[in-house]
PDB file of N, CA and C in Angstrom:
ATOM      1  N   MET A   1       0.833  -1.169   0.000  1.00  0.00           N
ATOM      2  CA  MET A   1       0.000   0.000   0.000  1.00  0.00           C
ATOM      3  C   MET A   1       0.887   1.245   0.000  1.00  0.00           C
ATOM      4  N   LYS A   2       0.527   2.226  -0.818  1.00  0.00           N
ATOM      5  CA  LYS A   2       1.308   3.454  -0.875  1.00  0.00           C
ATOM      6  C   LYS A   2       0.913   4.384   0.259  1.00  0.00           C
ATOM      7  N   VAL A   3       1.904   5.033   0.801  1.00  0.00           N
ATOM      8  CA  VAL A   3       1.652   5.995   1.858  1.00  0.00           C
ATOM      9  C   VAL A   3       1.702   7.385   1.240  1.00  0.00           C
ATOM     10  N   ARG A   4       0.663   8.139   1.436  1.00  0.00           N
ATOM     11  CA  ARG A   4       0.611   9.496   0.886  1.00  0.00           C
ATOM     12  C   ARG A   4       1.317  10.462   1.818  1.00  0.00           C
ATOM     13  N   LYS A   5       2.104  11.315   1.209  1.00  0.00           N
ATOM     14  CA  LYS A   5       2.750  12.360   1.989  1.00  0.00           C
ATOM     15  C   LYS A   5       1.738  13.470   2.223  1.00  0.00           C
ATOM     16  N   ASN A   6       1.855  14.103   3.343  1.00  0.00           N
ATOM     17  CA  ASN A   6       0.980  15.235   3.611  1.00  0.00           C
ATOM     18  C   ASN A   6       1.414  16.416   2.768  1.00  0.00           C
ATOM     19  N   ARG A   7       0.584  16.771   1.830  1.00  0.00           N
ATOM     20  CA  ARG A   7       0.874  17.919   0.979  1.00  0.00           C
ATOM     21  C   ARG A   7       0.033  19.094   1.426  1.00  0.00           C
ATOM     22  N   LYS A   8       0.595  20.246   1.273  1.00  0.00           N
ATOM     23  CA  LYS A   8      -0.159  21.453   1.567  1.00  0.00           C
ATOM     24  C   LYS A   8      -1.162  21.644   0.439  1.00  0.00           C
ATOM     25  N   LYS A   9      -2.419  21.663   0.762  1.00  0.00           N
ATOM     26  CA  LYS A   9      -3.463  21.813  -0.244  1.00  0.00           C
ATOM     27  C   LYS A   9      -3.911  23.261  -0.293  1.00  0.00           C
ATOM     28  N   THR A  10      -4.051  23.733  -1.514  1.00  0.00           N
ATOM     29  CA  THR A  10      -4.512  25.098  -1.727  1.00  0.00           C
ATOM     30  C   THR A  10      -5.982  25.049  -2.097  1.00  0.00           C
ATOM     31  N   ASP A  11      -6.771  25.884  -1.453  1.00  0.00           N
ATOM     32  CA  ASP A  11      -8.196  25.951  -1.763  1.00  0.00           C
ATOM     33  C   ASP A  11      -8.383  26.839  -2.983  1.00  0.00           C
ATOM     34  N   HIS A  12      -8.818  26.224  -4.101  1.00  0.00           N
ATOM     35  CA  HIS A  12      -9.036  26.978  -5.336  1.00  0.00           C
ATOM     36  C   HIS A  12     -10.518  27.236  -5.580  1.00  0.00           C
ATOM     37  N   SER A  13     -11.358  26.962  -4.609  1.00  0.00           N
ATOM     38  CA  SER A  13     -12.789  27.157  -4.830  1.00  0.00           C
ATOM     39  C   SER A  13     -13.078  28.635  -5.075  1.00  0.00           C
ATOM     40  N   GLY A  14     -13.912  28.861  -6.068  1.00  0.00           N
ATOM     41  CA  GLY A  14     -14.284  30.229  -6.420  1.00  0.00           C
ATOM     42  C   GLY A  14     -13.334  30.897  -7.382  1.00  0.00           C
ATOM     43  N   SER A  15     -12.204  30.268  -7.679  1.00  0.00           N
ATOM     44  CA  SER A  15     -11.263  30.881  -8.612  1.00  0.00           C
ATOM     45  C   SER A  15     -11.533  30.374 -10.022  1.00  0.00           C
ATOM     46  N   THR A  16     -11.002  31.089 -10.999  1.00  0.00           N
ATOM     47  CA  THR A  16     -11.162  30.659 -12.389  1.00  0.00           C
ATOM     48  C   THR A  16     -10.036  29.707 -12.746  1.00  0.00           C
ATOM     49  N   PHE A  17     -10.237  28.987 -13.832  1.00  0.00           N
ATOM     50  CA  PHE A  17      -9.201  28.082 -14.299  1.00  0.00           C
ATOM     51  C   PHE A  17      -7.961  28.872 -14.701  1.00  0.00           C
ATOM     52  N   ASP A  18      -8.165  30.032 -15.337  1.00  0.00           N
ATOM     53  CA  ASP A  18      -7.035  30.873 -15.722  1.00  0.00           C
ATOM     54  C   ASP A  18      -6.235  31.327 -14.500  1.00  0.00           C
ATOM     55  N   SER A  19      -6.926  31.704 -13.427  1.00  0.00           N
ATOM     56  CA  SER A  19      -6.199  32.138 -12.233  1.00  0.00           C
ATOM     57  C   SER A  19      -5.444  30.970 -11.597  1.00  0.00           C
ATOM     58  N   PHE A  20      -6.020  29.773 -11.661  1.00  0.00           N
ATOM     59  CA  PHE A  20      -5.325  28.579 -11.169  1.00  0.00           C
ATOM     60  C   PHE A  20      -4.043  28.359 -11.965  1.00  0.00           C
ATOM     61  N   LEU A  21      -4.133  28.436 -13.298  1.00  0.00           N
ATOM     62  CA  LEU A  21      -2.945  28.247 -14.133  1.00  0.00           C
ATOM     63  C   LEU A  21      -1.897  29.319 -13.848  1.00  0.00           C
ATOM     64  N   GLU A  22      -2.344  30.554 -13.621  1.00  0.00           N
ATOM     65  CA  GLU A  22      -1.420  31.647 -13.267  1.00  0.00           C
ATOM     66  C   GLU A  22      -0.698  31.321 -11.968  1.00  0.00           C
ATOM     67  N   GLU A  23      -1.454  30.882 -10.958  1.00  0.00           N
ATOM     68  CA  GLU A  23      -0.852  30.559  -9.658  1.00  0.00           C
ATOM     69  C   GLU A  23       0.175  29.439  -9.783  1.00  0.00           C
ATOM     70  N   GLU A  24      -0.095  28.495 -10.659  1.00  0.00           N
ATOM     71  CA  GLU A  24       0.815  27.370 -10.867  1.00  0.00           C
ATOM     72  C   GLU A  24       1.992  27.757 -11.763  1.00  0.00           C
ATOM     73  N   GLY A  25       1.911  28.907 -12.414  1.00  0.00           N
ATOM     74  CA  GLY A  25       2.984  29.378 -13.290  1.00  0.00           C
ATOM     75  C   GLY A  25       3.052  28.650 -14.623  1.00  0.00           C
ATOM     76  N   ILE A  26       1.920  28.115 -15.076  1.00  0.00           N
ATOM     77  CA  ILE A  26       1.921  27.324 -16.314  1.00  0.00           C
ATOM     78  C   ILE A  26       0.919  27.827 -17.348  1.00  0.00           C
ATOM     79  N   ARG A  27       0.377  29.007 -17.154  1.00  0.00           N
ATOM     80  CA  ARG A  27      -0.681  29.476 -18.051  1.00  0.00           C
ATOM     81  C   ARG A  27      -0.220  29.586 -19.501  1.00  0.00           C
ATOM     82  N   GLU A  28       0.927  30.216 -19.747  1.00  0.00           N
ATOM     83  CA  GLU A  28       1.398  30.398 -21.122  1.00  0.00           C
ATOM     84  C   GLU A  28       1.643  29.059 -21.803  1.00  0.00           C
ATOM     85  N   GLU A  29       2.251  28.140 -21.074  1.00  0.00           N
ATOM     86  CA  GLU A  29       2.540  26.817 -21.629  1.00  0.00           C
ATOM     87  C   GLU A  29       1.250  26.080 -21.979  1.00  0.00           C
ATOM     88  N   VAL A  30       0.281  26.110 -21.085  1.00  0.00           N
ATOM     89  CA  VAL A  30      -0.987  25.418 -21.308  1.00  0.00           C
ATOM     90  C   VAL A  30      -1.730  26.044 -22.486  1.00  0.00           C
ATOM     91  N   GLU A  31      -1.728  27.366 -22.571  1.00  0.00           N
ATOM     92  CA  GLU A  31      -2.403  28.029 -23.693  1.00  0.00           C
ATOM     93  C   GLU A  31      -1.725  27.706 -25.023  1.00  0.00           C
ATOM     94  N   ALA A  32      -0.398  27.670 -25.035  1.00  0.00           N
ATOM     95  CA  ALA A  32       0.329  27.351 -26.271  1.00  0.00           C
ATOM     96  C   ALA A  32      -0.003  25.934 -26.734  1.00  0.00           C
ATOM     97  N   VAL A  33      -0.042  24.995 -25.805  1.00  0.00           N
ATOM     98  CA  VAL A  33      -0.368  23.618 -26.166  1.00  0.00           C
ATOM     99  C   VAL A  33      -1.821  23.528 -26.651  1.00  0.00           C
ATOM    100  N   ALA A  34      -2.721  24.247 -26.007  1.00  0.00           N
ATOM    101  CA  ALA A  34      -4.133  24.220 -26.416  1.00  0.00           C
ATOM    102  C   ALA A  34      -4.296  24.763 -27.835  1.00  0.00           C
ATOM    103  N   ILE A  35      -3.624  25.860 -28.132  1.00  0.00           N
ATOM    104  CA  ILE A  35      -3.690  26.437 -29.474  1.00  0.00           C
ATOM    105  C   ILE A  35      -3.129  25.464 -30.495  1.00  0.00           C
ATOM    106  N   LYS A  36      -1.988  24.863 -30.183  1.00  0.00           N
ATOM    107  CA  LYS A  36      -1.359  23.926 -31.110  1.00  0.00           C
ATOM    108  C   LYS A  36      -2.223  22.697 -31.321  1.00  0.00           C
ATOM    109  N   ARG A  37      -2.882  22.212 -30.270  1.00  0.00           N
ATOM    110  CA  ARG A  37      -3.767  21.053 -30.415  1.00  0.00           C
ATOM    111  C   ARG A  37      -4.893  21.351 -31.388  1.00  0.00           C
ATOM    112  N   VAL A  38      -5.461  22.540 -31.282  1.00  0.00           N
ATOM    113  CA  VAL A  38      -6.552  22.923 -32.179  1.00  0.00           C
ATOM    114  C   VAL A  38      -6.046  23.028 -33.612  1.00  0.00           C
ATOM    115  N   LEU A  39      -4.909  23.683 -33.804  1.00  0.00           N
ATOM    116  CA  LEU A  39      -4.358  23.809 -35.160  1.00  0.00           C
ATOM    117  C   LEU A  39      -4.027  22.447 -35.767  1.00  0.00           C
ATOM    118  N   ALA A  40      -3.399  21.573 -35.010  1.00  0.00           N
ATOM    119  CA  ALA A  40      -3.054  20.246 -35.507  1.00  0.00           C
ATOM    120  C   ALA A  40      -4.320  19.475 -35.867  1.00  0.00           C
ATOM    121  N   TRP A  41      -5.329  19.570 -35.022  1.00  0.00           N
ATOM    122  CA  TRP A  41      -6.594  18.875 -35.282  1.00  0.00           C
ATOM    123  C   TRP A  41      -7.241  19.402 -36.555  1.00  0.00           C
ATOM    124  N   GLN A  42      -7.258  20.726 -36.723  1.00  0.00           N
ATOM    125  CA  GLN A  42      -7.872  21.316 -37.910  1.00  0.00           C
ATOM    126  C   GLN A  42      -7.118  20.918 -39.183  1.00  0.00           C
ATOM    127  N   LEU A  43      -5.804  20.917 -39.131  1.00  0.00           N
ATOM    128  CA  LEU A  43      -5.021  20.497 -40.299  1.00  0.00           C
ATOM    129  C   LEU A  43      -5.280  19.032 -40.639  1.00  0.00           C
ATOM    130  N   GLU A  44      -5.310  18.186 -39.617  1.00  0.00           N
ATOM    131  CA  GLU A  44      -5.576  16.769 -39.858  1.00  0.00           C
ATOM    132  C   GLU A  44      -6.970  16.539 -40.426  1.00  0.00           C
ATOM    133  N   GLN A  45      -7.954  17.297 -39.940  1.00  0.00           N
ATOM    134  CA  GLN A  45      -9.321  17.180 -40.457  1.00  0.00           C
ATOM    135  C   GLN A  45      -9.375  17.581 -41.930  1.00  0.00           C
ATOM    136  N   ALA A  46      -8.697  18.678 -42.277  1.00  0.00           N
ATOM    137  CA  ALA A  46      -8.674  19.126 -43.673  1.00  0.00           C
ATOM    138  C   ALA A  46      -7.989  18.090 -44.560  1.00  0.00           C
ATOM    139  N   MET A  47      -6.901  17.506 -44.062  1.00  0.00           N
ATOM    140  CA  MET A  47      -6.226  16.459 -44.827  1.00  0.00           C
ATOM    141  C   MET A  47      -7.147  15.256 -45.026  1.00  0.00           C
ATOM    142  N   ARG A  48      -7.854  14.876 -43.986  1.00  0.00           N
ATOM    143  CA  ARG A  48      -8.758  13.734 -44.065  1.00  0.00           C
ATOM    144  C   ARG A  48      -9.890  14.018 -45.059  1.00  0.00           C
ATOM    145  N   GLU A  49     -10.479  15.232 -44.980  1.00  0.00           N
ATOM    146  CA  GLU A  49     -11.564  15.601 -45.894  1.00  0.00           C
ATOM    147  C   GLU A  49     -11.108  15.569 -47.349  1.00  0.00           C
ATOM    148  N   GLN A  50      -9.859  15.964 -47.575  1.00  0.00           N
ATOM    149  CA  GLN A  50      -9.321  15.997 -48.934  1.00  0.00           C
ATOM    150  C   GLN A  50      -8.628  14.687 -49.311  1.00  0.00           C
ATOM    151  N   GLN A  51      -8.667  13.735 -48.417  1.00  0.00           N
ATOM    152  CA  GLN A  51      -8.028  12.436 -48.612  1.00  0.00           C
ATOM    153  C   GLN A  51      -6.561  12.590 -49.029  1.00  0.00           C
ATOM    154  N   LYS A  52      -5.892  13.501 -48.330  1.00  0.00           N
ATOM    155  CA  LYS A  52      -4.476  13.769 -48.606  1.00  0.00           C
ATOM    156  C   LYS A  52      -3.629  13.037 -47.581  1.00  0.00           C
ATOM    157  N   THR A  53      -2.704  12.221 -48.041  1.00  0.00           N
ATOM    158  CA  THR A  53      -1.827  11.477 -47.137  1.00  0.00           C
ATOM    159  C   THR A  53      -0.737  12.393 -46.597  1.00  0.00           C
ATOM    160  N   LYS A  54      -0.108  11.941 -45.521  1.00  0.00           N
ATOM    161  CA  LYS A  54       1.011  12.703 -44.966  1.00  0.00           C
ATOM    162  C   LYS A  54       2.151  12.789 -45.975  1.00  0.00           C
ATOM    163  N   GLN A  55       2.378  11.714 -46.681  1.00  0.00           N
ATOM    164  CA  GLN A  55       3.456  11.710 -47.675  1.00  0.00           C
ATOM    165  C   GLN A  55       3.172  12.733 -48.782  1.00  0.00           C
ATOM    166  N   ALA A  56       1.936  12.778 -49.277  1.00  0.00           N
ATOM    167  CA  ALA A  56       1.573  13.734 -50.325  1.00  0.00           C
ATOM    168  C   ALA A  56       1.648  15.169 -49.804  1.00  0.00           C
ATOM    169  N   MET A  57       1.211  15.368 -48.565  1.00  0.00           N
ATOM    170  CA  MET A  57       1.250  16.704 -47.959  1.00  0.00           C
ATOM    171  C   MET A  57       2.694  17.163 -47.792  1.00  0.00           C
ATOM    172  N   ALA A  58       3.558  16.301 -47.304  1.00  0.00           N
ATOM    173  CA  ALA A  58       4.970  16.654 -47.121  1.00  0.00           C
ATOM    174  C   ALA A  58       5.600  17.013 -48.468  1.00  0.00           C
ATOM    175  N   LYS A  59       5.282  16.254 -49.491  1.00  0.00           N
ATOM    176  CA  LYS A  59       5.829  16.527 -50.821  1.00  0.00           C
ATOM    177  C   LYS A  59       5.356  17.888 -51.327  1.00  0.00           C
ATOM    178  N   GLN A  60       4.082  18.197 -51.126  1.00  0.00           N
ATOM    179  CA  GLN A  60       3.533  19.486 -51.564  1.00  0.00           C
ATOM    180  C   GLN A  60       4.186  20.649 -50.819  1.00  0.00           C
ATOM    181  N   LEU A  61       4.548  20.435 -49.554  1.00  0.00           N
ATOM    182  CA  LEU A  61       5.183  21.481 -48.751  1.00  0.00           C
ATOM    183  C   LEU A  61       6.699  21.523 -48.937  1.00  0.00           C
ATOM    184  N   HIS A  62       7.236  20.615 -49.759  1.00  0.00           N
ATOM    185  CA  HIS A  62       8.682  20.518 -49.986  1.00  0.00           C
ATOM    186  C   HIS A  62       9.419  20.329 -48.663  1.00  0.00           C
ATOM    187  N   THR A  63       8.918  19.374 -47.879  1.00  0.00           N
ATOM    188  CA  THR A  63       9.518  19.080 -46.586  1.00  0.00           C
ATOM    189  C   THR A  63       9.504  17.564 -46.368  1.00  0.00           C
ATOM    190  N   SER A  64      10.031  17.142 -45.256  1.00  0.00           N
ATOM    191  CA  SER A  64      10.074  15.714 -44.954  1.00  0.00           C
ATOM    192  C   SER A  64       8.819  15.277 -44.203  1.00  0.00           C
ATOM    193  N   ARG A  65       8.593  14.001 -44.219  1.00  0.00           N
ATOM    194  CA  ARG A  65       7.466  13.433 -43.488  1.00  0.00           C
ATOM    195  C   ARG A  65       7.640  13.664 -41.985  1.00  0.00           C
ATOM    196  N   SER A  66       8.877  13.581 -41.500  1.00  0.00           N
ATOM    197  CA  SER A  66       9.115  13.805 -40.071  1.00  0.00           C
ATOM    198  C   SER A  66       8.821  15.254 -39.681  1.00  0.00           C
ATOM    199  N   GLN A  67       9.125  16.194 -40.579  1.00  0.00           N
ATOM    200  CA  GLN A  67       8.798  17.603 -40.298  1.00  0.00           C
ATOM    201  C   GLN A  67       7.277  17.787 -40.263  1.00  0.00           C
ATOM    202  N   LEU A  68       6.568  17.124 -41.144  1.00  0.00           N
ATOM    203  CA  LEU A  68       5.103  17.198 -41.133  1.00  0.00           C
ATOM    204  C   LEU A  68       4.555  16.572 -39.851  1.00  0.00           C
ATOM    205  N   ASP A  69       5.167  15.484 -39.404  1.00  0.00           N
ATOM    206  CA  ASP A  69       4.745  14.872 -38.136  1.00  0.00           C
ATOM    207  C   ASP A  69       4.910  15.842 -36.971  1.00  0.00           C
ATOM    208  N   ARG A  70       5.976  16.626 -36.980  1.00  0.00           N
ATOM    209  CA  ARG A  70       6.170  17.640 -35.932  1.00  0.00           C
ATOM    210  C   ARG A  70       5.078  18.706 -36.014  1.00  0.00           C
ATOM    211  N   LEU A  71       4.719  19.081 -37.232  1.00  0.00           N
ATOM    212  CA  LEU A  71       3.645  20.063 -37.417  1.00  0.00           C
ATOM    213  C   LEU A  71       2.326  19.531 -36.863  1.00  0.00           C
ATOM    214  N   LEU A  72       2.055  18.271 -37.078  1.00  0.00           N
ATOM    215  CA  LEU A  72       0.790  17.676 -36.643  1.00  0.00           C
ATOM    216  C   LEU A  72       0.819  17.158 -35.207  1.00  0.00           C
ATOM    217  N   ASP A  73       1.978  17.226 -34.555  1.00  0.00           N
ATOM    218  CA  ASP A  73       2.096  16.796 -33.157  1.00  0.00           C
ATOM    219  C   ASP A  73       1.483  17.869 -32.266  1.00  0.00           C
ATOM    220  N   PRO A  74       0.380  17.562 -31.572  1.00  0.00           N
ATOM    221  CA  PRO A  74      -0.290  18.581 -30.758  1.00  0.00           C
ATOM    222  C   PRO A  74       0.560  19.125 -29.614  1.00  0.00           C
ATOM    223  N   ARG A  75       1.576  18.394 -29.189  1.00  0.00           N
ATOM    224  CA  ARG A  75       2.411  18.851 -28.068  1.00  0.00           C
ATOM    225  C   ARG A  75       3.606  19.683 -28.510  1.00  0.00           C
ATOM    226  N   ASN A  76       3.919  19.670 -29.798  1.00  0.00           N
ATOM    227  CA  ASN A  76       5.084  20.405 -30.291  1.00  0.00           C
ATOM    228  C   ASN A  76       4.665  21.842 -30.625  1.00  0.00           C
ATOM    229  N   VAL A  77       5.004  22.763 -29.744  1.00  0.00           N
ATOM    230  CA  VAL A  77       4.593  24.156 -29.930  1.00  0.00           C
ATOM    231  C   VAL A  77       5.675  24.994 -30.600  1.00  0.00           C
ATOM    232  N   SER A  78       6.758  24.365 -31.042  1.00  0.00           N
ATOM    233  CA  SER A  78       7.869  25.123 -31.621  1.00  0.00           C
ATOM    234  C   SER A  78       7.756  25.290 -33.135  1.00  0.00           C
ATOM    235  N   VAL A  79       6.630  24.946 -33.711  1.00  0.00           N
ATOM    236  CA  VAL A  79       6.418  25.095 -35.145  1.00  0.00           C
ATOM    237  C   VAL A  79       6.207  26.578 -35.457  1.00  0.00           C
ATOM    238  N   THR A  80       6.808  27.039 -36.548  1.00  0.00           N
ATOM    239  CA  THR A  80       6.706  28.464 -36.884  1.00  0.00           C
ATOM    240  C   THR A  80       5.380  28.794 -37.548  1.00  0.00           C
ATOM    241  N   LEU A  81       5.017  30.057 -37.492  1.00  0.00           N
ATOM    242  CA  LEU A  81       3.814  30.519 -38.172  1.00  0.00           C
ATOM    243  C   LEU A  81       3.926  30.308 -39.678  1.00  0.00           C
ATOM    244  N   ASP A  82       5.128  30.469 -40.207  1.00  0.00           N
ATOM    245  CA  ASP A  82       5.345  30.255 -41.637  1.00  0.00           C
ATOM    246  C   ASP A  82       4.976  28.826 -42.025  1.00  0.00           C
ATOM    247  N   THR A  83       5.408  27.859 -41.244  1.00  0.00           N
ATOM    248  CA  THR A  83       5.103  26.460 -41.528  1.00  0.00           C
ATOM    249  C   THR A  83       3.603  26.208 -41.439  1.00  0.00           C
ATOM    250  N   ILE A  84       2.973  26.756 -40.426  1.00  0.00           N
ATOM    251  CA  ILE A  84       1.528  26.567 -40.250  1.00  0.00           C
ATOM    252  C   ILE A  84       0.764  27.192 -41.410  1.00  0.00           C
ATOM    253  N   THR A  85       1.139  28.398 -41.818  1.00  0.00           N
ATOM    254  CA  THR A  85       0.414  29.058 -42.913  1.00  0.00           C
ATOM    255  C   THR A  85       0.658  28.359 -44.247  1.00  0.00           C
ATOM    256  N   ARG A  86       1.869  27.842 -44.461  1.00  0.00           N
ATOM    257  CA  ARG A  86       2.133  27.091 -45.704  1.00  0.00           C
ATOM    258  C   ARG A  86       1.290  25.820 -45.750  1.00  0.00           C
ATOM    259  N   ALA A  87       1.171  25.138 -44.628  1.00  0.00           N
ATOM    260  CA  ALA A  87       0.357  23.925 -44.570  1.00  0.00           C
ATOM    261  C   ALA A  87      -1.112  24.253 -44.813  1.00  0.00           C
ATOM    262  N   ALA A  88      -1.585  25.315 -44.202  1.00  0.00           N
ATOM    263  CA  ALA A  88      -2.979  25.724 -44.399  1.00  0.00           C
ATOM    264  C   ALA A  88      -3.227  26.056 -45.870  1.00  0.00           C
ATOM    265  N   ARG A  89      -2.317  26.798 -46.463  1.00  0.00           N
ATOM    266  CA  ARG A  89      -2.453  27.181 -47.878  1.00  0.00           C
ATOM    267  C   ARG A  89      -2.478  25.948 -48.775  1.00  0.00           C
ATOM    268  N   ALA A  90      -1.667  24.959 -48.463  1.00  0.00           N
ATOM    269  CA  ALA A  90      -1.637  23.716 -49.248  1.00  0.00           C
ATOM    270  C   ALA A  90      -2.967  22.980 -49.189  1.00  0.00           C
ATOM    271  N   LEU A  91      -3.740  23.248 -48.149  1.00  0.00           N
ATOM    272  CA  LEU A  91      -5.048  22.614 -47.988  1.00  0.00           C
ATOM    273  C   LEU A  91      -6.190  23.539 -48.411  1.00  0.00           C
ATOM    274  N   GLY A  92      -5.835  24.690 -49.018  1.00  0.00           N
ATOM    275  CA  GLY A  92      -6.862  25.640 -49.437  1.00  0.00           C
ATOM    276  C   GLY A  92      -7.470  26.409 -48.286  1.00  0.00           C
ATOM    277  N   LYS A  93      -6.735  26.500 -47.199  1.00  0.00           N
ATOM    278  CA  LYS A  93      -7.204  27.198 -45.987  1.00  0.00           C
ATOM    279  C   LYS A  93      -6.302  28.391 -45.726  1.00  0.00           C
ATOM    280  N   ARG A  94      -6.692  29.207 -44.761  1.00  0.00           N
ATOM    281  CA  ARG A  94      -5.821  30.293 -44.313  1.00  0.00           C
ATOM    282  C   ARG A  94      -5.889  30.386 -42.793  1.00  0.00           C
ATOM    283  N   VAL A  95      -4.846  30.944 -42.242  1.00  0.00           N
ATOM    284  CA  VAL A  95      -4.744  31.102 -40.791  1.00  0.00           C
ATOM    285  C   VAL A  95      -5.115  32.535 -40.452  1.00  0.00           C
ATOM    286  N   ILE A  96      -5.962  32.686 -39.456  1.00  0.00           N
ATOM    287  CA  ILE A  96      -6.337  34.018 -38.983  1.00  0.00           C
ATOM    288  C   ILE A  96      -5.948  34.111 -37.519  1.00  0.00           C
ATOM    289  N   LEU A  97      -5.091  35.062 -37.185  1.00  0.00           N
ATOM    290  CA  LEU A  97      -4.696  35.301 -35.795  1.00  0.00           C
ATOM    291  C   LEU A  97      -5.420  36.541 -35.299  1.00  0.00           C
ATOM    292  N   ARG A  98      -5.795  36.509 -34.038  1.00  0.00           N
ATOM    293  CA  ARG A  98      -6.496  37.654 -33.469  1.00  0.00           C
ATOM    294  C   ARG A  98      -6.086  37.801 -32.017  1.00  0.00           C
ATOM    295  N   LEU A  99      -5.797  39.010 -31.597  1.00  0.00           N
ATOM    296  CA  LEU A  99      -5.534  39.295 -30.191  1.00  0.00           C
ATOM    297  C   LEU A  99      -6.833  39.737 -29.542  1.00  0.00           C
ATOM    298  N   THR A 100      -7.096  39.205 -28.359  1.00  0.00           N
ATOM    299  CA  THR A 100      -8.302  39.584 -27.631  1.00  0.00           C
ATOM    300  C   THR A 100      -7.938  39.861 -26.185  1.00  0.00           C
ATOM    301  N   ASP A 101      -8.870  40.476 -25.474  1.00  0.00           N
ATOM    302  CA  ASP A 101      -8.683  40.637 -24.040  1.00  0.00           C
ATOM    303  C   ASP A 101      -8.707  39.253 -23.417  1.00  0.00           C
ATOM    304  N   GLY A 102      -7.937  39.056 -22.372  1.00  0.00           N
ATOM    305  CA  GLY A 102      -7.783  37.735 -21.797  1.00  0.00           C
ATOM    306  C   GLY A 102      -8.944  37.220 -20.987  1.00  0.00           C
ATOM    307  N   VAL A 103      -9.848  38.066 -20.545  1.00  0.00           N
ATOM    308  CA  VAL A 103     -10.851  37.648 -19.568  1.00  0.00           C
ATOM    309  C   VAL A 103     -11.866  36.658 -20.136  1.00  0.00           C
ATOM    310  N   ASP A 104     -12.725  37.083 -21.006  1.00  0.00           N
ATOM    311  CA  ASP A 104     -13.788  36.212 -21.507  1.00  0.00           C
ATOM    312  C   ASP A 104     -13.601  35.909 -22.974  1.00  0.00           C
ATOM    313  N   ARG A 105     -12.376  35.610 -23.361  1.00  0.00           N
ATOM    314  CA  ARG A 105     -12.080  35.439 -24.775  1.00  0.00           C
ATOM    315  C   ARG A 105     -12.844  34.300 -25.423  1.00  0.00           C
ATOM    316  N   LEU A 106     -13.057  33.182 -24.745  1.00  0.00           N
ATOM    317  CA  LEU A 106     -13.769  32.066 -25.372  1.00  0.00           C
ATOM    318  C   LEU A 106     -15.277  32.256 -25.337  1.00  0.00           C
ATOM    319  N   ARG A 107     -15.767  32.898 -24.320  1.00  0.00           N
ATOM    320  CA  ARG A 107     -17.216  33.088 -24.230  1.00  0.00           C
ATOM    321  C   ARG A 107     -17.735  34.007 -25.325  1.00  0.00           C
ATOM    322  N   SER A 108     -16.875  34.895 -25.841  1.00  0.00           N
ATOM    323  CA  SER A 108     -17.323  35.834 -26.868  1.00  0.00           C
ATOM    324  C   SER A 108     -17.310  35.219 -28.258  1.00  0.00           C
ATOM    325  N   LEU A 109     -16.670  34.046 -28.418  1.00  0.00           N
ATOM    326  CA  LEU A 109     -16.601  33.395 -29.723  1.00  0.00           C
ATOM    327  C   LEU A 109     -17.818  32.508 -29.944  1.00  0.00           C
ATOM    328  N   PRO A 110     -18.298  32.439 -31.184  1.00  0.00           N
ATOM    329  CA  PRO A 110     -19.331  31.447 -31.476  1.00  0.00           C
ATOM    330  C   PRO A 110     -18.758  30.058 -31.229  1.00  0.00           C
ATOM    331  N   ARG A 111     -19.568  29.130 -30.831  1.00  0.00           N
ATOM    332  CA  ARG A 111     -19.095  27.787 -30.471  1.00  0.00           C
ATOM    333  C   ARG A 111     -18.259  27.150 -31.576  1.00  0.00           C
ATOM    334  N   SER A 112     -18.610  27.381 -32.825  1.00  0.00           N
ATOM    335  CA  SER A 112     -17.882  26.759 -33.934  1.00  0.00           C
ATOM    336  C   SER A 112     -16.463  27.298 -34.082  1.00  0.00           C
ATOM    337  N   ASN A 113     -16.146  28.464 -33.505  1.00  0.00           N
ATOM    338  CA  ASN A 113     -14.810  29.046 -33.615  1.00  0.00           C
ATOM    339  C   ASN A 113     -13.934  28.760 -32.417  1.00  0.00           C
ATOM    340  N   ARG A 114     -14.408  28.009 -31.465  1.00  0.00           N
ATOM    341  CA  ARG A 114     -13.627  27.758 -30.258  1.00  0.00           C
ATOM    342  C   ARG A 114     -12.598  26.675 -30.436  1.00  0.00           C
ATOM    343  N   GLY A 115     -12.623  25.986 -31.555  1.00  0.00           N
ATOM    344  CA  GLY A 115     -11.678  24.906 -31.785  1.00  0.00           C
ATOM    345  C   GLY A 115     -12.205  23.623 -31.171  1.00  0.00           C
ATOM    346  N   GLY A 116     -11.502  22.544 -31.440  1.00  0.00           N
ATOM    347  CA  GLY A 116     -11.958  21.271 -30.922  1.00  0.00           C
ATOM    348  C   GLY A 116     -13.260  20.857 -31.576  1.00  0.00           C
ATOM    349  N   ARG A 117     -14.057  20.105 -30.864  1.00  0.00           N
ATOM    350  CA  ARG A 117     -15.308  19.606 -31.436  1.00  0.00           C
ATOM    351  C   ARG A 117     -16.478  20.394 -30.903  1.00  0.00           C
ATOM    352  N   ALA A 118     -17.381  20.766 -31.782  1.00  0.00           N
ATOM    353  CA  ALA A 118     -18.550  21.555 -31.399  1.00  0.00           C
ATOM    354  C   ALA A 118     -19.629  20.701 -30.786  1.00  0.00           C
TER     355      ALA A 118
END
């Protein structure tokens, strides 16, 4: 049987998820991964709809299959905007970036624009 160490527990009741992430010092990292997950999912969906293989997509982008795998890896946030926009263009899509106030940014978006599954 495992013995649990007594950890100091912080009461987060009444706080927002964003404030929790701020307190933990991981908000930027979590947001970057969330954005990348949505972009990777959208690119994969477009490829699937167009029945485009990874090999064909890599060839169209003049890159390697491993580089395309990094682009489609939801955890890899080091992909450049240039790479993302080139991939979107190859699929007949475009990338739109927008800065918003941090407070209620998702609540102001229509559900279909929030990313992920509606």
